[in-house]
Amino acid sequence: KNHKWTNIKDQVDMIEMPSGNRIILLSEGRLLNLGNATGHPSFVMSASFTNQVLAQIELWTRGENYGNEVYVLPKHLDEKVARLHLDRIGVKLTELRPDQAEYIGVTPEGPFKPEHYRY
């Protein structure tokens, strides 16, 4: 740091060169999405990566069910990701009674949204 550095805010610095020119440096030159880590909290990243891993496992174990197309993650896998993360935020699930499940048009064990529903 041989030049004048002024911290503008977290992860944003202004460097003044001897010529008077200034450079705005983000995250001290590190990868922004890793260095700043303000876009997605680790919880969101964990859920996203878990979705990706479960999708890969689904393709590996049931590949014959999928053609060379783009698919929406099956609802049962998306809900599995949610269940895996709920404890971290202090959420406890209750089970649907048969009458509740019938009322919203799902089975008591899920998935809990109809197939046409998009999150």
N, C-alpha and C. Protein backbone atom coordinates (compact mmCIF):
# COMPACT_ATOMS: atom_id res chain seq x y z
N LYS A 1 0.85 -1.19 0.00
CA LYS A 1 0.00 0.00 0.00
C LYS A 1 0.89 1.25 0.00
N ASN A 2 1.54 1.46 -1.12
CA ASN A 2 2.46 2.59 -1.26
C ASN A 2 1.76 3.89 -1.63
N HIS A 3 0.47 3.84 -1.89
CA HIS A 3 -0.27 5.02 -2.30
C HIS A 3 -1.31 5.34 -1.23
N LYS A 4 -1.97 6.47 -1.39
CA LYS A 4 -2.99 6.86 -0.42
C LYS A 4 -4.25 6.04 -0.63
N TRP A 5 -4.64 5.28 0.39
CA TRP A 5 -5.84 4.46 0.36
C TRP A 5 -6.91 5.13 1.22
N THR A 6 -8.10 5.23 0.69
CA THR A 6 -9.24 5.72 1.47
C THR A 6 -10.33 4.67 1.41
N ASN A 7 -10.74 4.20 2.58
CA ASN A 7 -11.82 3.22 2.62
C ASN A 7 -13.15 3.95 2.45
N ILE A 8 -13.87 3.60 1.39
CA ILE A 8 -15.16 4.23 1.10
C ILE A 8 -16.26 3.56 1.93
N LYS A 9 -16.27 2.26 1.90
CA LYS A 9 -17.17 1.43 2.71
C LYS A 9 -16.59 0.03 2.69
N ASP A 10 -17.23 -0.91 3.39
CA ASP A 10 -16.72 -2.28 3.41
C ASP A 10 -16.43 -2.77 2.01
N GLN A 11 -15.23 -3.25 1.82
CA GLN A 11 -14.79 -3.87 0.56
C GLN A 11 -14.71 -2.89 -0.61
N VAL A 12 -14.74 -1.59 -0.35
CA VAL A 12 -14.59 -0.58 -1.41
C VAL A 12 -13.54 0.42 -0.95
N ASP A 13 -12.43 0.48 -1.67
CA ASP A 13 -11.34 1.41 -1.36
C ASP A 13 -11.04 2.28 -2.56
N MET A 14 -10.62 3.51 -2.29
CA MET A 14 -10.16 4.40 -3.34
C MET A 14 -8.66 4.57 -3.14
N ILE A 15 -7.91 4.34 -4.20
CA ILE A 15 -6.45 4.47 -4.15
C ILE A 15 -6.07 5.67 -5.00
N GLU A 16 -5.35 6.61 -4.39
CA GLU A 16 -4.90 7.79 -5.13
C GLU A 16 -3.46 7.58 -5.54
N MET A 17 -3.23 7.70 -6.84
CA MET A 17 -1.89 7.52 -7.41
C MET A 17 -1.12 8.84 -7.29
N PRO A 18 0.21 8.79 -7.38
CA PRO A 18 1.01 10.02 -7.31
C PRO A 18 0.60 11.06 -8.35
N SER A 19 0.08 10.61 -9.49
CA SER A 19 -0.35 11.53 -10.56
C SER A 19 -1.65 12.25 -10.22
N GLY A 20 -2.33 11.79 -9.16
CA GLY A 20 -3.63 12.35 -8.81
C GLY A 20 -4.79 11.51 -9.32
N ASN A 21 -4.50 10.59 -10.23
CA ASN A 21 -5.54 9.68 -10.71
C ASN A 21 -5.97 8.77 -9.56
N ARG A 22 -7.21 8.36 -9.60
CA ARG A 22 -7.73 7.49 -8.54
C ARG A 22 -8.30 6.21 -9.13
N ILE A 23 -8.19 5.16 -8.36
CA ILE A 23 -8.73 3.85 -8.73
C ILE A 23 -9.69 3.43 -7.62
N ILE A 24 -10.84 2.93 -8.00
CA ILE A 24 -11.75 2.32 -7.03
C ILE A 24 -11.46 0.82 -7.07
N LEU A 25 -11.08 0.27 -5.93
CA LEU A 25 -10.73 -1.15 -5.83
C LEU A 25 -11.79 -1.86 -5.00
N LEU A 26 -12.36 -2.88 -5.58
CA LEU A 26 -13.40 -3.66 -4.89
C LEU A 26 -12.81 -4.93 -4.33
N SER A 27 -13.10 -5.19 -3.08
CA SER A 27 -12.74 -6.46 -2.44
C SER A 27 -11.23 -6.72 -2.48
N GLU A 28 -10.45 -5.65 -2.48
CA GLU A 28 -8.98 -5.73 -2.55
C GLU A 28 -8.51 -6.63 -3.69
N GLY A 29 -9.29 -6.65 -4.77
CA GLY A 29 -8.90 -7.41 -5.95
C GLY A 29 -9.30 -8.87 -5.93
N ARG A 30 -9.93 -9.32 -4.85
CA ARG A 30 -10.37 -10.72 -4.79
C ARG A 30 -11.65 -10.89 -5.61
N LEU A 31 -12.05 -12.14 -5.79
CA LEU A 31 -13.31 -12.40 -6.47
C LEU A 31 -14.44 -11.72 -5.70
N LEU A 32 -15.22 -10.93 -6.38
CA LEU A 32 -16.26 -10.15 -5.70
C LEU A 32 -17.28 -11.02 -4.97
N ASN A 33 -17.75 -12.07 -5.62
CA ASN A 33 -18.79 -12.86 -4.99
C ASN A 33 -18.28 -13.63 -3.78
N LEU A 34 -16.96 -13.84 -3.69
CA LEU A 34 -16.40 -14.50 -2.52
C LEU A 34 -15.89 -13.48 -1.51
N GLY A 35 -15.20 -12.47 -2.00
CA GLY A 35 -14.61 -11.48 -1.10
C GLY A 35 -15.62 -10.60 -0.41
N ASN A 36 -16.65 -10.20 -1.12
CA ASN A 36 -17.64 -9.32 -0.51
C ASN A 36 -18.71 -10.10 0.24
N ALA A 37 -19.11 -11.20 -0.29
CA ALA A 37 -20.08 -12.09 0.35
C ALA A 37 -21.29 -11.34 0.89
N THR A 38 -21.75 -10.35 0.17
CA THR A 38 -22.95 -9.63 0.61
C THR A 38 -24.16 -10.00 -0.24
N GLY A 39 -23.95 -10.70 -1.34
CA GLY A 39 -25.07 -11.03 -2.22
C GLY A 39 -25.92 -12.16 -1.71
N HIS A 40 -25.30 -13.21 -1.22
CA HIS A 40 -26.04 -14.39 -0.78
C HIS A 40 -25.47 -14.87 0.54
N PRO A 41 -26.28 -14.90 1.58
CA PRO A 41 -25.80 -15.45 2.85
C PRO A 41 -25.45 -16.93 2.69
N SER A 42 -24.62 -17.42 3.59
CA SER A 42 -24.18 -18.82 3.50
C SER A 42 -25.37 -19.78 3.54
N PHE A 43 -26.43 -19.42 4.24
CA PHE A 43 -27.62 -20.28 4.30
C PHE A 43 -28.23 -20.45 2.91
N VAL A 44 -28.33 -19.37 2.17
CA VAL A 44 -28.88 -19.42 0.81
C VAL A 44 -27.96 -20.23 -0.10
N MET A 45 -26.65 -20.02 0.05
CA MET A 45 -25.69 -20.77 -0.75
C MET A 45 -25.80 -22.26 -0.45
N SER A 46 -25.96 -22.60 0.83
CA SER A 46 -26.10 -24.00 1.21
C SER A 46 -27.33 -24.63 0.56
N ALA A 47 -28.44 -23.92 0.61
CA ALA A 47 -29.66 -24.44 -0.02
C ALA A 47 -29.47 -24.60 -1.53
N SER A 48 -28.84 -23.63 -2.16
CA SER A 48 -28.62 -23.70 -3.61
C SER A 48 -27.72 -24.87 -3.98
N PHE A 49 -26.62 -25.02 -3.24
CA PHE A 49 -25.70 -26.12 -3.55
C PHE A 49 -26.33 -27.47 -3.25
N THR A 50 -27.14 -27.55 -2.20
CA THR A 50 -27.83 -28.80 -1.89
C THR A 50 -28.79 -29.15 -3.02
N ASN A 51 -29.50 -28.16 -3.55
CA ASN A 51 -30.37 -28.39 -4.72
C ASN A 51 -29.57 -28.97 -5.87
N GLN A 52 -28.40 -28.40 -6.13
CA GLN A 52 -27.57 -28.86 -7.24
C GLN A 52 -27.09 -30.30 -7.03
N VAL A 53 -26.67 -30.60 -5.81
CA VAL A 53 -26.18 -31.95 -5.52
C VAL A 53 -27.31 -32.97 -5.65
N LEU A 54 -28.47 -32.66 -5.09
CA LEU A 54 -29.59 -33.60 -5.20
C LEU A 54 -30.03 -33.77 -6.64
N ALA A 55 -29.96 -32.71 -7.43
CA ALA A 55 -30.29 -32.83 -8.86
C ALA A 55 -29.30 -33.75 -9.56
N GLN A 56 -28.02 -33.62 -9.23
CA GLN A 56 -27.00 -34.49 -9.84
C GLN A 56 -27.21 -35.94 -9.44
N ILE A 57 -27.53 -36.17 -8.17
CA ILE A 57 -27.80 -37.54 -7.71
C ILE A 57 -29.02 -38.10 -8.43
N GLU A 58 -30.05 -37.28 -8.58
CA GLU A 58 -31.26 -37.70 -9.30
C GLU A 58 -30.92 -38.10 -10.73
N LEU A 59 -30.13 -37.30 -11.41
CA LEU A 59 -29.75 -37.62 -12.79
C LEU A 59 -28.89 -38.88 -12.87
N TRP A 60 -28.01 -39.06 -11.90
CA TRP A 60 -27.13 -40.22 -11.90
C TRP A 60 -27.91 -41.51 -11.64
N THR A 61 -28.85 -41.45 -10.69
CA THR A 61 -29.56 -42.68 -10.31
C THR A 61 -30.80 -42.95 -11.15
N ARG A 62 -31.37 -41.92 -11.77
CA ARG A 62 -32.59 -42.08 -12.56
C ARG A 62 -32.46 -41.43 -13.93
N GLY A 63 -31.27 -41.46 -14.47
CA GLY A 63 -30.99 -40.81 -15.74
C GLY A 63 -31.86 -41.26 -16.89
N GLU A 64 -32.30 -42.51 -16.84
CA GLU A 64 -33.14 -43.02 -17.93
C GLU A 64 -34.49 -42.31 -17.99
N ASN A 65 -34.87 -41.63 -16.91
CA ASN A 65 -36.14 -40.90 -16.89
C ASN A 65 -36.05 -39.50 -17.48
N TYR A 66 -34.85 -39.11 -17.88
CA TYR A 66 -34.64 -37.74 -18.34
C TYR A 66 -34.02 -37.74 -19.73
N GLY A 67 -34.56 -36.90 -20.60
CA GLY A 67 -33.99 -36.71 -21.92
C GLY A 67 -33.00 -35.55 -21.87
N ASN A 68 -32.49 -35.20 -23.02
CA ASN A 68 -31.52 -34.10 -23.12
C ASN A 68 -32.29 -32.78 -23.20
N GLU A 69 -32.85 -32.37 -22.05
CA GLU A 69 -33.67 -31.17 -21.96
C GLU A 69 -33.35 -30.44 -20.66
N VAL A 70 -33.96 -29.30 -20.49
CA VAL A 70 -33.85 -28.55 -19.23
C VAL A 70 -35.08 -28.90 -18.40
N TYR A 71 -34.88 -29.24 -17.13
CA TYR A 71 -35.97 -29.63 -16.25
C TYR A 71 -36.00 -28.74 -15.01
N VAL A 72 -37.19 -28.59 -14.47
CA VAL A 72 -37.35 -27.97 -13.16
C VAL A 72 -37.06 -29.06 -12.13
N LEU A 73 -36.38 -28.69 -11.05
CA LEU A 73 -36.08 -29.66 -9.99
C LEU A 73 -37.40 -30.25 -9.48
N PRO A 74 -37.49 -31.59 -9.42
CA PRO A 74 -38.73 -32.19 -8.91
C PRO A 74 -39.07 -31.65 -7.52
N LYS A 75 -40.35 -31.42 -7.30
CA LYS A 75 -40.80 -30.81 -6.04
C LYS A 75 -40.36 -31.61 -4.82
N HIS A 76 -40.37 -32.95 -4.91
CA HIS A 76 -39.99 -33.72 -3.73
C HIS A 76 -38.53 -33.46 -3.36
N LEU A 77 -37.67 -33.17 -4.34
CA LEU A 77 -36.27 -32.85 -4.02
C LEU A 77 -36.14 -31.44 -3.47
N ASP A 78 -36.89 -30.51 -4.02
CA ASP A 78 -36.86 -29.14 -3.52
C ASP A 78 -37.32 -29.10 -2.06
N GLU A 79 -38.35 -29.86 -1.76
CA GLU A 79 -38.85 -29.90 -0.39
C GLU A 79 -37.90 -30.65 0.54
N LYS A 80 -37.17 -31.62 0.00
CA LYS A 80 -36.16 -32.31 0.81
C LYS A 80 -35.06 -31.32 1.23
N VAL A 81 -34.65 -30.47 0.31
CA VAL A 81 -33.65 -29.44 0.63
C VAL A 81 -34.18 -28.54 1.75
N ALA A 82 -35.43 -28.15 1.65
CA ALA A 82 -36.02 -27.30 2.69
C ALA A 82 -36.01 -28.02 4.03
N ARG A 83 -36.42 -29.29 4.04
CA ARG A 83 -36.44 -30.04 5.30
C ARG A 83 -35.05 -30.15 5.90
N LEU A 84 -34.04 -30.34 5.06
CA LEU A 84 -32.66 -30.45 5.56
C LEU A 84 -32.17 -29.16 6.20
N HIS A 85 -32.74 -28.04 5.82
CA HIS A 85 -32.27 -26.74 6.32
C HIS A 85 -33.15 -26.14 7.42
N LEU A 86 -34.35 -26.66 7.61
CA LEU A 86 -35.27 -26.02 8.56
C LEU A 86 -34.76 -26.00 9.99
N ASP A 87 -34.09 -27.05 10.42
CA ASP A 87 -33.60 -27.10 11.79
C ASP A 87 -32.65 -25.95 12.09
N ARG A 88 -31.88 -25.56 11.09
CA ARG A 88 -30.90 -24.47 11.25
C ARG A 88 -31.57 -23.15 11.60
N ILE A 89 -32.81 -22.97 11.14
CA ILE A 89 -33.51 -21.72 11.44
C ILE A 89 -34.60 -21.93 12.50
N GLY A 90 -34.53 -23.07 13.20
CA GLY A 90 -35.42 -23.31 14.32
C GLY A 90 -36.85 -23.66 13.97
N VAL A 91 -37.06 -24.22 12.79
CA VAL A 91 -38.41 -24.56 12.35
C VAL A 91 -38.65 -26.05 12.56
N LYS A 92 -39.79 -26.38 13.13
CA LYS A 92 -40.20 -27.77 13.29
C LYS A 92 -41.46 -27.99 12.46
N LEU A 93 -41.44 -28.99 11.62
CA LEU A 93 -42.60 -29.30 10.78
C LEU A 93 -43.58 -30.19 11.52
N THR A 94 -44.84 -29.95 11.28
CA THR A 94 -45.87 -30.87 11.74
C THR A 94 -46.35 -31.64 10.52
N GLU A 95 -47.03 -32.74 10.75
CA GLU A 95 -47.53 -33.52 9.62
C GLU A 95 -48.96 -33.10 9.31
N LEU A 96 -49.26 -33.08 8.03
CA LEU A 96 -50.62 -32.77 7.61
C LEU A 96 -51.56 -33.90 7.99
N ARG A 97 -52.73 -33.52 8.49
CA ARG A 97 -53.78 -34.52 8.68
C ARG A 97 -54.36 -34.83 7.31
N PRO A 98 -54.96 -36.00 7.15
CA PRO A 98 -55.54 -36.33 5.84
C PRO A 98 -56.53 -35.28 5.34
N ASP A 99 -57.35 -34.71 6.22
CA ASP A 99 -58.33 -33.71 5.76
C ASP A 99 -57.64 -32.42 5.30
N GLN A 100 -56.53 -32.06 5.94
CA GLN A 100 -55.78 -30.88 5.50
C GLN A 100 -55.16 -31.12 4.13
N ALA A 101 -54.57 -32.31 3.97
CA ALA A 101 -53.94 -32.65 2.69
C ALA A 101 -54.97 -32.65 1.57
N GLU A 102 -56.13 -33.23 1.85
CA GLU A 102 -57.18 -33.27 0.84
C GLU A 102 -57.64 -31.86 0.48
N TYR A 103 -57.74 -31.00 1.47
CA TYR A 103 -58.19 -29.62 1.24
C TYR A 103 -57.27 -28.86 0.29
N ILE A 104 -55.95 -29.06 0.43
CA ILE A 104 -55.01 -28.35 -0.45
C ILE A 104 -54.59 -29.18 -1.66
N GLY A 105 -55.13 -30.40 -1.76
CA GLY A 105 -54.91 -31.21 -2.96
C GLY A 105 -53.56 -31.88 -3.06
N VAL A 106 -53.01 -32.30 -1.91
CA VAL A 106 -51.72 -32.99 -1.91
C VAL A 106 -51.82 -34.23 -1.04
N THR A 107 -50.78 -35.05 -1.04
CA THR A 107 -50.74 -36.19 -0.13
C THR A 107 -50.12 -35.73 1.19
N PRO A 108 -50.45 -36.38 2.31
CA PRO A 108 -49.90 -35.96 3.61
C PRO A 108 -48.37 -35.99 3.67
N GLU A 109 -47.74 -36.83 2.86
CA GLU A 109 -46.27 -36.91 2.90
C GLU A 109 -45.60 -35.98 1.89
N GLY A 110 -46.39 -35.28 1.10
CA GLY A 110 -45.82 -34.32 0.14
C GLY A 110 -45.60 -34.96 -1.22
N PRO A 111 -45.12 -34.18 -2.17
CA PRO A 111 -44.83 -32.75 -2.12
C PRO A 111 -46.08 -31.94 -1.76
N PHE A 112 -45.83 -30.76 -1.20
CA PHE A 112 -46.90 -29.96 -0.62
C PHE A 112 -47.42 -28.86 -1.53
N LYS A 113 -46.94 -28.81 -2.73
CA LYS A 113 -47.47 -27.87 -3.73
C LYS A 113 -47.81 -28.68 -4.97
N PRO A 114 -48.88 -28.33 -5.67
CA PRO A 114 -49.20 -29.04 -6.90
C PRO A 114 -48.09 -28.84 -7.94
N GLU A 115 -47.99 -29.74 -8.87
CA GLU A 115 -46.90 -29.73 -9.85
C GLU A 115 -46.87 -28.44 -10.67
N HIS A 116 -48.03 -27.85 -10.93
CA HIS A 116 -48.07 -26.63 -11.74
C HIS A 116 -47.60 -25.40 -10.96
N TYR A 117 -47.51 -25.50 -9.64
CA TYR A 117 -47.09 -24.35 -8.82
C TYR A 117 -45.60 -24.11 -8.97
N ARG A 118 -45.20 -22.88 -9.24
CA ARG A 118 -43.78 -22.52 -9.35
C ARG A 118 -43.42 -21.59 -8.22
N TYR A 119 -42.34 -21.91 -7.55
CA TYR A 119 -41.90 -21.11 -6.41
C TYR A 119 -41.40 -19.76 -6.85
